[in-house]
């Protein structure tokens, strides 16, 4: 599975796998969040708030995805999402 993800998504796939293995995919009551290198990014229905998704990817091509959205799908498939029974909007105020 790892080889297929990296083969298809290259560096983004590798980063996604690292995020999942490090427990950086978190689900709150209101959002799923991936902890990135510089910030936390909200991922909803495959869409991400990161600059890579906003500026670098072709939105009409479903194979072009940022590593944050890939990480969410991988974590869901493996049952590796870190669940938090709280609202992210409340947690974000402390960051």
PDB file of N, CA and C in Angstrom:
ATOM      1  N   UNK A   1       0.825  -1.189   0.000  1.00  0.00           N
ATOM      2  CA  UNK A   1       0.000   0.000   0.000  1.00  0.00           C
ATOM      3  C   UNK A   1       0.875   1.263   0.000  1.00  0.00           C
ATOM      4  N   UNK A   2       1.913   1.238   0.816  1.00  0.00           N
ATOM      5  CA  UNK A   2       2.825   2.392   0.893  1.00  0.00           C
ATOM      6  C   UNK A   2       3.450   2.652  -0.466  1.00  0.00           C
ATOM      7  N   UNK A   3       3.909   1.607  -1.122  1.00  0.00           N
ATOM      8  CA  UNK A   3       4.544   1.769  -2.431  1.00  0.00           C
ATOM      9  C   UNK A   3       3.579   2.379  -3.445  1.00  0.00           C
ATOM     10  N   UNK A   4       2.322   1.946  -3.413  1.00  0.00           N
ATOM     11  CA  UNK A   4       1.326   2.477  -4.350  1.00  0.00           C
ATOM     12  C   UNK A   4       1.060   3.956  -4.088  1.00  0.00           C
ATOM     13  N   UNK A   5       0.975   4.330  -2.816  1.00  0.00           N
ATOM     14  CA  UNK A   5       0.722   5.738  -2.471  1.00  0.00           C
ATOM     15  C   UNK A   5       1.894   6.603  -2.900  1.00  0.00           C
ATOM     16  N   UNK A   6       3.104   6.171  -2.597  1.00  0.00           N
ATOM     17  CA  UNK A   6       4.293   6.957  -2.954  1.00  0.00           C
ATOM     18  C   UNK A   6       4.482   6.993  -4.465  1.00  0.00           C
ATOM     19  N   UNK A   7       4.198   5.889  -5.134  1.00  0.00           N
ATOM     20  CA  UNK A   7       4.323   5.844  -6.585  1.00  0.00           C
ATOM     21  C   UNK A   7       3.356   6.825  -7.264  1.00  0.00           C
ATOM     22  N   UNK A   8       2.151   6.912  -6.744  1.00  0.00           N
ATOM     23  CA  UNK A   8       1.137   7.780  -7.325  1.00  0.00           C
ATOM     24  C   UNK A   8       1.330   9.240  -6.943  1.00  0.00           C
ATOM     25  N   UNK A   9       1.623   9.488  -5.667  1.00  0.00           N
ATOM     26  CA  UNK A   9       1.635  10.864  -5.153  1.00  0.00           C
ATOM     27  C   UNK A   9       3.028  11.374  -4.783  1.00  0.00           C
ATOM     28  N   UNK A  10       4.040  10.572  -5.000  1.00  0.00           N
ATOM     29  CA  UNK A  10       5.445  10.933  -4.768  1.00  0.00           C
ATOM     30  C   UNK A  10       5.679  11.566  -3.392  1.00  0.00           C
ATOM     31  N   UNK A  11       6.286  12.728  -3.367  1.00  0.00           N
ATOM     32  CA  UNK A  11       6.671  13.366  -2.103  1.00  0.00           C
ATOM     33  C   UNK A  11       5.446  13.650  -1.215  1.00  0.00           C
ATOM     34  N   UNK A  12       4.348  14.044  -1.821  1.00  0.00           N
ATOM     35  CA  UNK A  12       3.138  14.297  -1.039  1.00  0.00           C
ATOM     36  C   UNK A  12       2.655  13.015  -0.363  1.00  0.00           C
ATOM     37  N   UNK A  13       2.732  11.905  -1.069  1.00  0.00           N
ATOM     38  CA  UNK A  13       2.348  10.616  -0.487  1.00  0.00           C
ATOM     39  C   UNK A  13       3.235  10.229   0.678  1.00  0.00           C
ATOM     40  N   UNK A  14       4.529  10.449   0.538  1.00  0.00           N
ATOM     41  CA  UNK A  14       5.468  10.145   1.619  1.00  0.00           C
ATOM     42  C   UNK A  14       5.187  10.998   2.850  1.00  0.00           C
ATOM     43  N   UNK A  15       4.937  12.273   2.645  1.00  0.00           N
ATOM     44  CA  UNK A  15       4.613  13.161   3.770  1.00  0.00           C
ATOM     45  C   UNK A  15       3.321  12.730   4.457  1.00  0.00           C
ATOM     46  N   UNK A  16       2.338  12.319   3.668  1.00  0.00           N
ATOM     47  CA  UNK A  16       1.064  11.863   4.236  1.00  0.00           C
ATOM     48  C   UNK A  16       1.268  10.635   5.115  1.00  0.00           C
ATOM     49  N   UNK A  17       2.047   9.698   4.628  1.00  0.00           N
ATOM     50  CA  UNK A  17       2.327   8.481   5.399  1.00  0.00           C
ATOM     51  C   UNK A  17       3.057   8.826   6.694  1.00  0.00           C
ATOM     52  N   UNK A  18       4.000   9.736   6.622  1.00  0.00           N
ATOM     53  CA  UNK A  18       4.719  10.163   7.828  1.00  0.00           C
ATOM     54  C   UNK A  18       3.761  10.798   8.833  1.00  0.00           C
ATOM     55  N   UNK A  19       2.857  11.648   8.364  1.00  0.00           N
ATOM     56  CA  UNK A  19       1.900  12.304   9.264  1.00  0.00           C
ATOM     57  C   UNK A  19       1.024  11.282   9.978  1.00  0.00           C
ATOM     58  N   UNK A  20       0.565  10.283   9.246  1.00  0.00           N
ATOM     59  CA  UNK A  20      -0.277   9.248   9.853  1.00  0.00           C
ATOM     60  C   UNK A  20       0.527   8.455  10.872  1.00  0.00           C
ATOM     61  N   UNK A  21       1.728   8.065  10.522  1.00  0.00           N
ATOM     62  CA  UNK A  21       2.542   7.261  11.443  1.00  0.00           C
ATOM     63  C   UNK A  21       2.938   8.041  12.691  1.00  0.00           C
ATOM     64  N   UNK A  22       2.968   9.359  12.587  1.00  0.00           N
ATOM     65  CA  UNK A  22       3.313  10.208  13.733  1.00  0.00           C
ATOM     66  C   UNK A  22       2.078  10.681  14.505  1.00  0.00           C
ATOM     67  N   UNK A  23       0.892  10.233  14.113  1.00  0.00           N
ATOM     68  CA  UNK A  23      -0.337  10.581  14.825  1.00  0.00           C
ATOM     69  C   UNK A  23      -0.747  12.034  14.672  1.00  0.00           C
ATOM     70  N   UNK A  24      -0.474  12.616  13.503  1.00  0.00           N
ATOM     71  CA  UNK A  24      -0.773  14.031  13.298  1.00  0.00           C
ATOM     72  C   UNK A  24      -2.094  14.289  12.579  1.00  0.00           C
ATOM     73  N   UNK A  25      -2.941  13.261  12.462  1.00  0.00           N
ATOM     74  CA  UNK A  25      -4.280  13.438  11.893  1.00  0.00           C
ATOM     75  C   UNK A  25      -5.264  13.378  13.057  1.00  0.00           C
ATOM     76  N   UNK A  26      -5.947  14.489  13.280  1.00  0.00           N
ATOM     77  CA  UNK A  26      -6.799  14.618  14.462  1.00  0.00           C
ATOM     78  C   UNK A  26      -8.227  14.984  14.048  1.00  0.00           C
ATOM     79  N   UNK A  27      -9.176  14.310  14.653  1.00  0.00           N
ATOM     80  CA  UNK A  27     -10.577  14.621  14.363  1.00  0.00           C
ATOM     81  C   UNK A  27     -11.203  15.215  15.622  1.00  0.00           C
ATOM     82  N   UNK A  28     -11.788  16.385  15.433  1.00  0.00           N
ATOM     83  CA  UNK A  28     -12.521  17.066  16.494  1.00  0.00           C
ATOM     84  C   UNK A  28     -14.001  16.983  16.175  1.00  0.00           C
ATOM     85  N   UNK A  29     -14.833  17.551  17.000  1.00  0.00           N
ATOM     86  CA  UNK A  29     -16.277  17.525  16.748  1.00  0.00           C
ATOM     87  C   UNK A  29     -16.646  18.257  15.468  1.00  0.00           C
ATOM     88  N   UNK A  30     -15.902  19.304  15.136  1.00  0.00           N
ATOM     89  CA  UNK A  30     -16.275  20.125  13.986  1.00  0.00           C
ATOM     90  C   UNK A  30     -15.372  19.953  12.766  1.00  0.00           C
ATOM     91  N   UNK A  31     -14.142  19.525  12.932  1.00  0.00           N
ATOM     92  CA  UNK A  31     -13.212  19.430  11.803  1.00  0.00           C
ATOM     93  C   UNK A  31     -12.238  18.274  11.964  1.00  0.00           C
ATOM     94  N   UNK A  32     -11.679  17.856  10.838  1.00  0.00           N
ATOM     95  CA  UNK A  32     -10.513  16.977  10.844  1.00  0.00           C
ATOM     96  C   UNK A  32      -9.326  17.862  10.520  1.00  0.00           C
ATOM     97  N   UNK A  33      -8.266  17.723  11.292  1.00  0.00           N
ATOM     98  CA  UNK A  33      -7.111  18.600  11.193  1.00  0.00           C
ATOM     99  C   UNK A  33      -5.852  17.762  11.024  1.00  0.00           C
ATOM    100  N   UNK A  34      -4.965  18.230  10.166  1.00  0.00           N
ATOM    101  CA  UNK A  34      -3.652  17.602  10.030  1.00  0.00           C
ATOM    102  C   UNK A  34      -2.622  18.612  10.512  1.00  0.00           C
ATOM    103  N   UNK A  35      -1.799  18.165  11.422  1.00  0.00           N
ATOM    104  CA  UNK A  35      -0.746  19.017  11.955  1.00  0.00           C
ATOM    105  C   UNK A  35       0.403  18.991  10.956  1.00  0.00           C
ATOM    106  N   UNK A  36       0.668  20.153  10.367  1.00  0.00           N
ATOM    107  CA  UNK A  36       1.744  20.268   9.391  1.00  0.00           C
ATOM    108  C   UNK A  36       3.032  20.711  10.045  1.00  0.00           C
ATOM    109  N   UNK A  37       3.971  21.128   9.236  1.00  0.00           N
ATOM    110  CA  UNK A  37       5.282  21.547   9.741  1.00  0.00           C
ATOM    111  C   UNK A  37       5.233  22.943  10.358  1.00  0.00           C
ATOM    112  N   UNK A  38       4.386  23.809   9.802  1.00  0.00           N
ATOM    113  CA  UNK A  38       4.314  25.187  10.283  1.00  0.00           C
ATOM    114  C   UNK A  38       2.966  25.565  10.883  1.00  0.00           C
ATOM    115  N   UNK A  39       1.925  24.771  10.611  1.00  0.00           N
ATOM    116  CA  UNK A  39       0.582  25.142  11.029  1.00  0.00           C
ATOM    117  C   UNK A  39      -0.282  23.888  11.057  1.00  0.00           C
ATOM    118  N   UNK A  40      -1.534  24.061  11.412  1.00  0.00           N
ATOM    119  CA  UNK A  40      -2.519  22.991  11.339  1.00  0.00           C
ATOM    120  C   UNK A  40      -3.482  23.319  10.208  1.00  0.00           C
ATOM    121  N   UNK A  41      -3.890  22.283   9.465  1.00  0.00           N
ATOM    122  CA  UNK A  41      -4.717  22.491   8.285  1.00  0.00           C
ATOM    123  C   UNK A  41      -6.016  21.711   8.405  1.00  0.00           C
ATOM    124  N   UNK A  42      -7.109  22.365   8.110  1.00  0.00           N
ATOM    125  CA  UNK A  42      -8.427  21.743   8.161  1.00  0.00           C
ATOM    126  C   UNK A  42      -8.681  21.045   6.828  1.00  0.00           C
ATOM    127  N   UNK A  43      -9.126  19.793   6.915  1.00  0.00           N
ATOM    128  CA  UNK A  43      -9.463  19.009   5.729  1.00  0.00           C
ATOM    129  C   UNK A  43     -10.920  18.580   5.858  1.00  0.00           C
ATOM    130  N   UNK A  44     -11.722  18.983   4.877  1.00  0.00           N
ATOM    131  CA  UNK A  44     -13.135  18.618   4.832  1.00  0.00           C
ATOM    132  C   UNK A  44     -13.465  18.117   3.432  1.00  0.00           C
ATOM    133  N   UNK A  45     -14.010  16.908   3.374  1.00  0.00           N
ATOM    134  CA  UNK A  45     -14.429  16.317   2.102  1.00  0.00           C
ATOM    135  C   UNK A  45     -13.333  16.391   1.048  1.00  0.00           C
ATOM    136  N   UNK A  46     -12.105  16.090   1.456  1.00  0.00           N
ATOM    137  CA  UNK A  46     -10.979  16.067   0.536  1.00  0.00           C
ATOM    138  C   UNK A  46     -10.379  17.425   0.214  1.00  0.00           C
ATOM    139  N   UNK A  47     -10.972  18.486   0.708  1.00  0.00           N
ATOM    140  CA  UNK A  47     -10.476  19.840   0.464  1.00  0.00           C
ATOM    141  C   UNK A  47      -9.675  20.306   1.677  1.00  0.00           C
ATOM    142  N   UNK A  48      -8.576  20.986   1.412  1.00  0.00           N
ATOM    143  CA  UNK A  48      -7.673  21.408   2.479  1.00  0.00           C
ATOM    144  C   UNK A  48      -7.457  22.920   2.439  1.00  0.00           C
ATOM    145  N   UNK A  49      -7.141  23.468   3.597  1.00  0.00           N
ATOM    146  CA  UNK A  49      -6.916  24.909   3.716  1.00  0.00           C
ATOM    147  C   UNK A  49      -5.457  25.310   3.476  1.00  0.00           C
ATOM    148  N   UNK A  50      -4.595  24.386   3.075  1.00  0.00           N
ATOM    149  CA  UNK A  50      -3.177  24.719   2.879  1.00  0.00           C
ATOM    150  C   UNK A  50      -2.942  25.481   1.569  1.00  0.00           C
ATOM    151  N   UNK A  51      -1.817  26.147   1.500  1.00  0.00           N
ATOM    152  CA  UNK A  51      -1.448  26.926   0.301  1.00  0.00           C
ATOM    153  C   UNK A  51      -1.186  26.018  -0.905  1.00  0.00           C
ATOM    154  N   UNK A  52      -0.653  24.826  -0.664  1.00  0.00           N
ATOM    155  CA  UNK A  52      -0.396  23.891  -1.759  1.00  0.00           C
ATOM    156  C   UNK A  52      -1.696  23.569  -2.490  1.00  0.00           C
ATOM    157  N   UNK A  53      -2.737  23.246  -1.728  1.00  0.00           N
ATOM    158  CA  UNK A  53      -4.034  22.933  -2.344  1.00  0.00           C
ATOM    159  C   UNK A  53      -4.627  24.148  -3.043  1.00  0.00           C
ATOM    160  N   UNK A  54      -4.417  25.296  -2.457  1.00  0.00           N
ATOM    161  CA  UNK A  54      -5.001  26.514  -3.003  1.00  0.00           C
ATOM    162  C   UNK A  54      -4.310  26.988  -4.285  1.00  0.00           C
ATOM    163  N   UNK A  55      -2.988  26.896  -4.330  1.00  0.00           N
ATOM    164  CA  UNK A  55      -2.247  27.511  -5.439  1.00  0.00           C
ATOM    165  C   UNK A  55      -1.579  26.545  -6.412  1.00  0.00           C
ATOM    166  N   UNK A  56      -1.217  25.357  -5.974  1.00  0.00           N
ATOM    167  CA  UNK A  56      -0.379  24.489  -6.811  1.00  0.00           C
ATOM    168  C   UNK A  56      -1.101  23.342  -7.491  1.00  0.00           C
ATOM    169  N   UNK A  57      -2.274  22.994  -7.022  1.00  0.00           N
ATOM    170  CA  UNK A  57      -2.933  21.797  -7.530  1.00  0.00           C
ATOM    171  C   UNK A  57      -4.049  22.133  -8.515  1.00  0.00           C
ATOM    172  N   UNK A  58      -4.213  21.256  -9.483  1.00  0.00           N
ATOM    173  CA  UNK A  58      -5.292  21.387 -10.463  1.00  0.00           C
ATOM    174  C   UNK A  58      -6.554  20.812  -9.835  1.00  0.00           C
ATOM    175  N   UNK A  59      -7.490  21.672  -9.456  1.00  0.00           N
ATOM    176  CA  UNK A  59      -8.702  21.251  -8.760  1.00  0.00           C
ATOM    177  C   UNK A  59      -9.571  20.314  -9.597  1.00  0.00           C
ATOM    178  N   UNK A  60      -9.399  20.329 -10.908  1.00  0.00           N
ATOM    179  CA  UNK A  60     -10.199  19.449 -11.759  1.00  0.00           C
ATOM    180  C   UNK A  60      -9.592  18.044 -11.886  1.00  0.00           C
ATOM    181  N   UNK A  61      -8.386  17.856 -11.350  1.00  0.00           N
ATOM    182  CA  UNK A  61      -7.713  16.558 -11.416  1.00  0.00           C
ATOM    183  C   UNK A  61      -7.758  15.902 -10.032  1.00  0.00           C
ATOM    184  N   UNK A  62      -8.568  14.854  -9.858  1.00  0.00           N
ATOM    185  CA  UNK A  62      -8.713  14.232  -8.533  1.00  0.00           C
ATOM    186  C   UNK A  62      -7.453  13.543  -8.026  1.00  0.00           C
ATOM    187  N   UNK A  63      -6.484  13.295  -8.907  1.00  0.00           N
ATOM    188  CA  UNK A  63      -5.245  12.658  -8.442  1.00  0.00           C
ATOM    189  C   UNK A  63      -4.276  13.671  -7.833  1.00  0.00           C
ATOM    190  N   UNK A  64      -4.491  14.945  -8.093  1.00  0.00           N
ATOM    191  CA  UNK A  64      -3.645  15.977  -7.503  1.00  0.00           C
ATOM    192  C   UNK A  64      -4.235  16.392  -6.168  1.00  0.00           C
ATOM    193  N   UNK A  65      -3.563  15.978  -5.115  1.00  0.00           N
ATOM    194  CA  UNK A  65      -4.050  16.262  -3.772  1.00  0.00           C
ATOM    195  C   UNK A  65      -2.870  16.634  -2.893  1.00  0.00           C
ATOM    196  N   UNK A  66      -3.121  17.503  -1.941  1.00  0.00           N
ATOM    197  CA  UNK A  66      -2.063  17.861  -0.997  1.00  0.00           C
ATOM    198  C   UNK A  66      -1.856  16.698  -0.028  1.00  0.00           C
ATOM    199  N   UNK A  67      -0.726  16.723   0.643  1.00  0.00           N
ATOM    200  CA  UNK A  67      -0.427  15.608   1.535  1.00  0.00           C
ATOM    201  C   UNK A  67      -1.336  15.582   2.755  1.00  0.00           C
ATOM    202  N   UNK A  68      -1.922  16.704   3.115  1.00  0.00           N
ATOM    203  CA  UNK A  68      -2.833  16.735   4.266  1.00  0.00           C
ATOM    204  C   UNK A  68      -4.104  15.933   3.968  1.00  0.00           C
ATOM    205  N   UNK A  69      -4.683  16.147   2.799  1.00  0.00           N
ATOM    206  CA  UNK A  69      -5.908  15.412   2.451  1.00  0.00           C
ATOM    207  C   UNK A  69      -5.606  13.929   2.225  1.00  0.00           C
ATOM    208  N   UNK A  70      -4.449  13.626   1.681  1.00  0.00           N
ATOM    209  CA  UNK A  70      -4.044  12.225   1.547  1.00  0.00           C
ATOM    210  C   UNK A  70      -3.907  11.575   2.922  1.00  0.00           C
ATOM    211  N   UNK A  71      -3.318  12.300   3.867  1.00  0.00           N
ATOM    212  CA  UNK A  71      -3.118  11.766   5.216  1.00  0.00           C
ATOM    213  C   UNK A  71      -4.449  11.426   5.874  1.00  0.00           C
ATOM    214  N   UNK A  72      -5.462  12.268   5.678  1.00  0.00           N
ATOM    215  CA  UNK A  72      -6.774  11.992   6.263  1.00  0.00           C
ATOM    216  C   UNK A  72      -7.337  10.688   5.701  1.00  0.00           C
ATOM    217  N   UNK A  73      -7.272  10.514   4.393  1.00  0.00           N
ATOM    218  CA  UNK A  73      -7.802   9.293   3.781  1.00  0.00           C
ATOM    219  C   UNK A  73      -7.039   8.057   4.255  1.00  0.00           C
ATOM    220  N   UNK A  74      -5.727   8.163   4.346  1.00  0.00           N
ATOM    221  CA  UNK A  74      -4.909   7.037   4.810  1.00  0.00           C
ATOM    222  C   UNK A  74      -5.246   6.709   6.260  1.00  0.00           C
ATOM    223  N   UNK A  75      -5.314   7.734   7.105  1.00  0.00           N
ATOM    224  CA  UNK A  75      -5.620   7.519   8.521  1.00  0.00           C
ATOM    225  C   UNK A  75      -7.004   6.900   8.702  1.00  0.00           C
ATOM    226  N   UNK A  76      -7.972   7.340   7.909  1.00  0.00           N
ATOM    227  CA  UNK A  76      -9.316   6.760   7.988  1.00  0.00           C
ATOM    228  C   UNK A  76      -9.287   5.287   7.583  1.00  0.00           C
ATOM    229  N   UNK A  77      -8.582   4.979   6.513  1.00  0.00           N
ATOM    230  CA  UNK A  77      -8.511   3.600   6.028  1.00  0.00           C
ATOM    231  C   UNK A  77      -7.845   2.677   7.046  1.00  0.00           C
ATOM    232  N   UNK A  78      -6.874   3.197   7.776  1.00  0.00           N
ATOM    233  CA  UNK A  78      -6.134   2.386   8.742  1.00  0.00           C
ATOM    234  C   UNK A  78      -6.680   2.477  10.162  1.00  0.00           C
ATOM    235  N   UNK A  79      -7.685   3.319  10.375  1.00  0.00           N
ATOM    236  CA  UNK A  79      -8.209   3.511  11.719  1.00  0.00           C
ATOM    237  C   UNK A  79      -7.213   4.199  12.634  1.00  0.00           C
ATOM    238  N   UNK A  80      -6.440   5.128  12.068  1.00  0.00           N
ATOM    239  CA  UNK A  80      -5.374   5.799  12.806  1.00  0.00           C
ATOM    240  C   UNK A  80      -5.648   7.279  13.068  1.00  0.00           C
ATOM    241  N   UNK A  81      -6.912   7.652  13.137  1.00  0.00           N
ATOM    242  CA  UNK A  81      -7.237   9.054  13.426  1.00  0.00           C
ATOM    243  C   UNK A  81      -7.252   9.247  14.938  1.00  0.00           C
ATOM    244  N   UNK A  82      -6.643  10.323  15.376  1.00  0.00           N
ATOM    245  CA  UNK A  82      -6.595  10.688  16.789  1.00  0.00           C
ATOM    246  C   UNK A  82      -7.863  11.502  17.106  1.00  0.00           C
ATOM    247  N   UNK A  83      -8.821  10.879  17.809  1.00  0.00           N
ATOM    248  CA  UNK A  83     -10.100  11.531  18.089  1.00  0.00           C
ATOM    249  C   UNK A  83     -10.024  12.382  19.350  1.00  0.00           C
ATOM    250  N   UNK A  84     -10.631  13.561  19.267  1.00  0.00           N
ATOM    251  CA  UNK A  84     -10.709  14.476  20.407  1.00  0.00           C
ATOM    252  C   UNK A  84     -12.164  14.906  20.557  1.00  0.00           C
ATOM    253  N   UNK A  85     -12.734  14.647  21.714  1.00  0.00           N
ATOM    254  CA  UNK A  85     -14.130  14.990  21.949  1.00  0.00           C
ATOM    255  C   UNK A  85     -14.229  16.444  22.418  1.00  0.00           C
ATOM    256  N   UNK A  86     -13.887  17.331  21.501  1.00  0.00           N
ATOM    257  CA  UNK A  86     -13.964  18.771  21.763  1.00  0.00           C
ATOM    258  C   UNK A  86     -14.078  19.484  20.426  1.00  0.00           C
ATOM    259  N   UNK A  87     -14.361  20.755  20.472  1.00  0.00           N
ATOM    260  CA  UNK A  87     -14.485  21.560  19.258  1.00  0.00           C
ATOM    261  C   UNK A  87     -13.111  22.119  18.895  1.00  0.00           C
ATOM    262  N   UNK A  88     -12.721  21.942  17.653  1.00  0.00           N
ATOM    263  CA  UNK A  88     -11.439  22.486  17.202  1.00  0.00           C
ATOM    264  C   UNK A  88     -11.439  24.003  17.288  1.00  0.00           C
ATOM    265  N   UNK A  89     -12.570  24.620  17.009  1.00  0.00           N
ATOM    266  CA  UNK A  89     -12.640  26.073  17.062  1.00  0.00           C
ATOM    267  C   UNK A  89     -12.283  26.578  18.468  1.00  0.00           C
ATOM    268  N   UNK A  90     -12.569  25.808  19.494  1.00  0.00           N
ATOM    269  CA  UNK A  90     -12.185  26.187  20.852  1.00  0.00           C
ATOM    270  C   UNK A  90     -10.702  25.938  21.104  1.00  0.00           C
ATOM    271  N   UNK A  91     -10.204  24.824  20.603  1.00  0.00           N
ATOM    272  CA  UNK A  91      -8.788  24.466  20.772  1.00  0.00           C
ATOM    273  C   UNK A  91      -7.915  25.473  20.043  1.00  0.00           C
ATOM    274  N   UNK A  92      -8.323  25.875  18.866  1.00  0.00           N
ATOM    275  CA  UNK A  92      -7.540  26.783  18.027  1.00  0.00           C
ATOM    276  C   UNK A  92      -7.251  28.108  18.736  1.00  0.00           C
ATOM    277  N   UNK A  93      -8.150  28.532  19.601  1.00  0.00           N
ATOM    278  CA  UNK A  93      -7.944  29.787  20.346  1.00  0.00           C
ATOM    279  C   UNK A  93      -6.689  29.736  21.209  1.00  0.00           C
ATOM    280  N   UNK A  94      -6.282  28.532  21.635  1.00  0.00           N
ATOM    281  CA  UNK A  94      -5.105  28.388  22.504  1.00  0.00           C
ATOM    282  C   UNK A  94      -3.805  28.240  21.737  1.00  0.00           C
ATOM    283  N   UNK A  95      -3.878  28.033  20.441  1.00  0.00           N
ATOM    284  CA  UNK A  95      -2.656  27.817  19.647  1.00  0.00           C
ATOM    285  C   UNK A  95      -1.978  29.115  19.267  1.00  0.00           C
TER     286      UNK A  95
END
